[in-house]
Amino acid sequence: MTTSAVIMMIVAALLLWGGFIAAVLHLRRSPEVPDDDQGPRAEDHPRST
């Protein structure tokens, strides 16, 4: 592999793993807490007649 190909591979790996680490840190800092485990209820969506 040429020098430019190695540099581009390193840059791509850093972008990929950097984004992954940033996403994990963001989720650890502010996790998504579901409202409930039941899912949507009938009164959440009014029926149109």
N, C-alpha and C. Protein backbone atom coordinates (compact mmCIF):
# COMPACT_ATOMS: atom_id res chain seq x y z
N MET A 1 0.84 -1.18 0.00
CA MET A 1 0.00 0.00 0.00
C MET A 1 0.89 1.25 0.00
N THR A 2 0.38 2.25 -0.65
CA THR A 2 1.14 3.49 -0.71
C THR A 2 0.96 4.28 0.58
N THR A 3 1.79 5.28 0.74
CA THR A 3 1.73 6.11 1.95
C THR A 3 0.40 6.83 2.06
N SER A 4 -0.10 7.34 0.96
CA SER A 4 -1.38 8.06 1.01
C SER A 4 -2.53 7.12 1.36
N ALA A 5 -2.47 5.88 0.90
CA ALA A 5 -3.51 4.91 1.23
C ALA A 5 -3.48 4.58 2.73
N VAL A 6 -2.30 4.45 3.29
CA VAL A 6 -2.18 4.16 4.72
C VAL A 6 -2.71 5.33 5.54
N ILE A 7 -2.38 6.55 5.12
CA ILE A 7 -2.85 7.74 5.83
C ILE A 7 -4.36 7.83 5.76
N MET A 8 -4.94 7.58 4.60
CA MET A 8 -6.40 7.63 4.46
C MET A 8 -7.06 6.53 5.29
N MET A 9 -6.45 5.34 5.37
CA MET A 9 -7.00 4.27 6.19
C MET A 9 -6.98 4.66 7.67
N ILE A 10 -5.91 5.30 8.11
CA ILE A 10 -5.81 5.73 9.51
C ILE A 10 -6.84 6.82 9.80
N VAL A 11 -7.00 7.76 8.88
CA VAL A 11 -7.99 8.82 9.06
C VAL A 11 -9.40 8.24 9.13
N ALA A 12 -9.70 7.30 8.24
CA ALA A 12 -11.02 6.69 8.24
C ALA A 12 -11.27 5.90 9.53
N ALA A 13 -10.27 5.17 10.00
CA ALA A 13 -10.42 4.41 11.24
C ALA A 13 -10.62 5.35 12.42
N LEU A 14 -9.89 6.46 12.46
CA LEU A 14 -10.05 7.43 13.55
C LEU A 14 -11.43 8.07 13.52
N LEU A 15 -11.93 8.38 12.34
CA LEU A 15 -13.28 8.94 12.24
C LEU A 15 -14.33 7.94 12.70
N LEU A 16 -14.19 6.71 12.27
CA LEU A 16 -15.16 5.68 12.63
C LEU A 16 -15.16 5.43 14.13
N TRP A 17 -14.00 5.14 14.69
CA TRP A 17 -13.91 4.83 16.12
C TRP A 17 -14.15 6.07 16.97
N GLY A 18 -13.77 7.24 16.50
CA GLY A 18 -14.04 8.47 17.24
C GLY A 18 -15.53 8.75 17.34
N GLY A 19 -16.24 8.53 16.24
CA GLY A 19 -17.69 8.69 16.26
C GLY A 19 -18.36 7.68 17.16
N PHE A 20 -17.87 6.45 17.15
CA PHE A 20 -18.42 5.41 18.02
C PHE A 20 -18.21 5.76 19.48
N ILE A 21 -17.01 6.19 19.82
CA ILE A 21 -16.71 6.55 21.21
C ILE A 21 -17.52 7.76 21.64
N ALA A 22 -17.67 8.74 20.76
CA ALA A 22 -18.48 9.92 21.08
C ALA A 22 -19.94 9.54 21.32
N ALA A 23 -20.47 8.62 20.51
CA ALA A 23 -21.85 8.19 20.69
C ALA A 23 -22.03 7.44 22.00
N VAL A 24 -21.09 6.58 22.35
CA VAL A 24 -21.17 5.84 23.61
C VAL A 24 -21.09 6.79 24.80
N LEU A 25 -20.18 7.75 24.74
CA LEU A 25 -20.08 8.71 25.84
C LEU A 25 -21.34 9.55 25.97
N HIS A 26 -21.93 9.93 24.84
CA HIS A 26 -23.17 10.71 24.88
C HIS A 26 -24.30 9.90 25.50
N LEU A 27 -24.42 8.62 25.12
CA LEU A 27 -25.48 7.78 25.68
C LEU A 27 -25.25 7.50 27.16
N ARG A 28 -24.01 7.38 27.58
CA ARG A 28 -23.74 7.16 29.01
C ARG A 28 -24.07 8.40 29.82
N ARG A 29 -23.87 9.59 29.21
CA ARG A 29 -24.13 10.83 29.92
C ARG A 29 -25.62 11.14 29.99
N SER A 30 -26.36 10.83 28.92
CA SER A 30 -27.80 11.12 28.88
C SER A 30 -28.52 9.93 28.24
N PRO A 31 -28.76 8.87 29.03
CA PRO A 31 -29.40 7.68 28.46
C PRO A 31 -30.87 7.94 28.12
N GLU A 32 -31.33 7.21 27.13
CA GLU A 32 -32.74 7.30 26.76
C GLU A 32 -33.55 6.45 27.72
N VAL A 33 -34.46 7.09 28.45
CA VAL A 33 -35.29 6.37 29.41
C VAL A 33 -36.68 6.25 28.81
N PRO A 34 -37.16 5.03 28.58
CA PRO A 34 -38.50 4.89 28.02
C PRO A 34 -39.56 5.32 29.04
N ASP A 35 -40.67 5.86 28.53
CA ASP A 35 -41.76 6.27 29.42
C ASP A 35 -42.35 5.07 30.15
N ASP A 36 -42.62 4.03 29.39
CA ASP A 36 -43.12 2.78 29.98
C ASP A 36 -42.80 1.64 29.02
N ASP A 37 -42.96 0.44 29.48
CA ASP A 37 -42.66 -0.72 28.65
C ASP A 37 -43.90 -1.26 27.95
N GLN A 38 -45.02 -0.58 28.07
CA GLN A 38 -46.27 -1.09 27.53
C GLN A 38 -46.47 -0.72 26.06
N GLY A 39 -45.80 0.28 25.57
CA GLY A 39 -46.01 0.72 24.21
C GLY A 39 -47.14 1.73 24.15
N PRO A 40 -47.56 2.12 22.96
CA PRO A 40 -48.63 3.12 22.85
C PRO A 40 -49.97 2.54 23.30
N ARG A 41 -50.74 3.38 23.97
CA ARG A 41 -52.06 2.95 24.46
C ARG A 41 -53.12 3.47 23.51
N ALA A 42 -54.34 2.98 23.66
CA ALA A 42 -55.44 3.38 22.79
C ALA A 42 -55.77 4.86 22.97
N GLU A 43 -55.68 5.37 24.21
CA GLU A 43 -56.01 6.78 24.43
C GLU A 43 -54.93 7.72 23.93
N ASP A 44 -53.76 7.19 23.59
CA ASP A 44 -52.71 8.04 23.04
C ASP A 44 -53.01 8.46 21.60
N HIS A 45 -53.80 7.68 20.90
CA HIS A 45 -54.11 7.94 19.50
C HIS A 45 -55.62 7.95 19.34
N PRO A 46 -56.24 9.14 19.31
CA PRO A 46 -57.71 9.19 19.17
C PRO A 46 -58.14 8.65 17.80
N ARG A 47 -59.26 7.96 17.82
CA ARG A 47 -59.80 7.38 16.59
C ARG A 47 -60.62 8.42 15.86
N SER A 48 -60.48 8.45 14.57
CA SER A 48 -61.31 9.35 13.77
C SER A 48 -62.42 8.54 13.13
N THR A 49 -63.64 9.08 13.22
CA THR A 49 -64.79 8.35 12.68
C THR A 49 -65.39 9.08 11.52
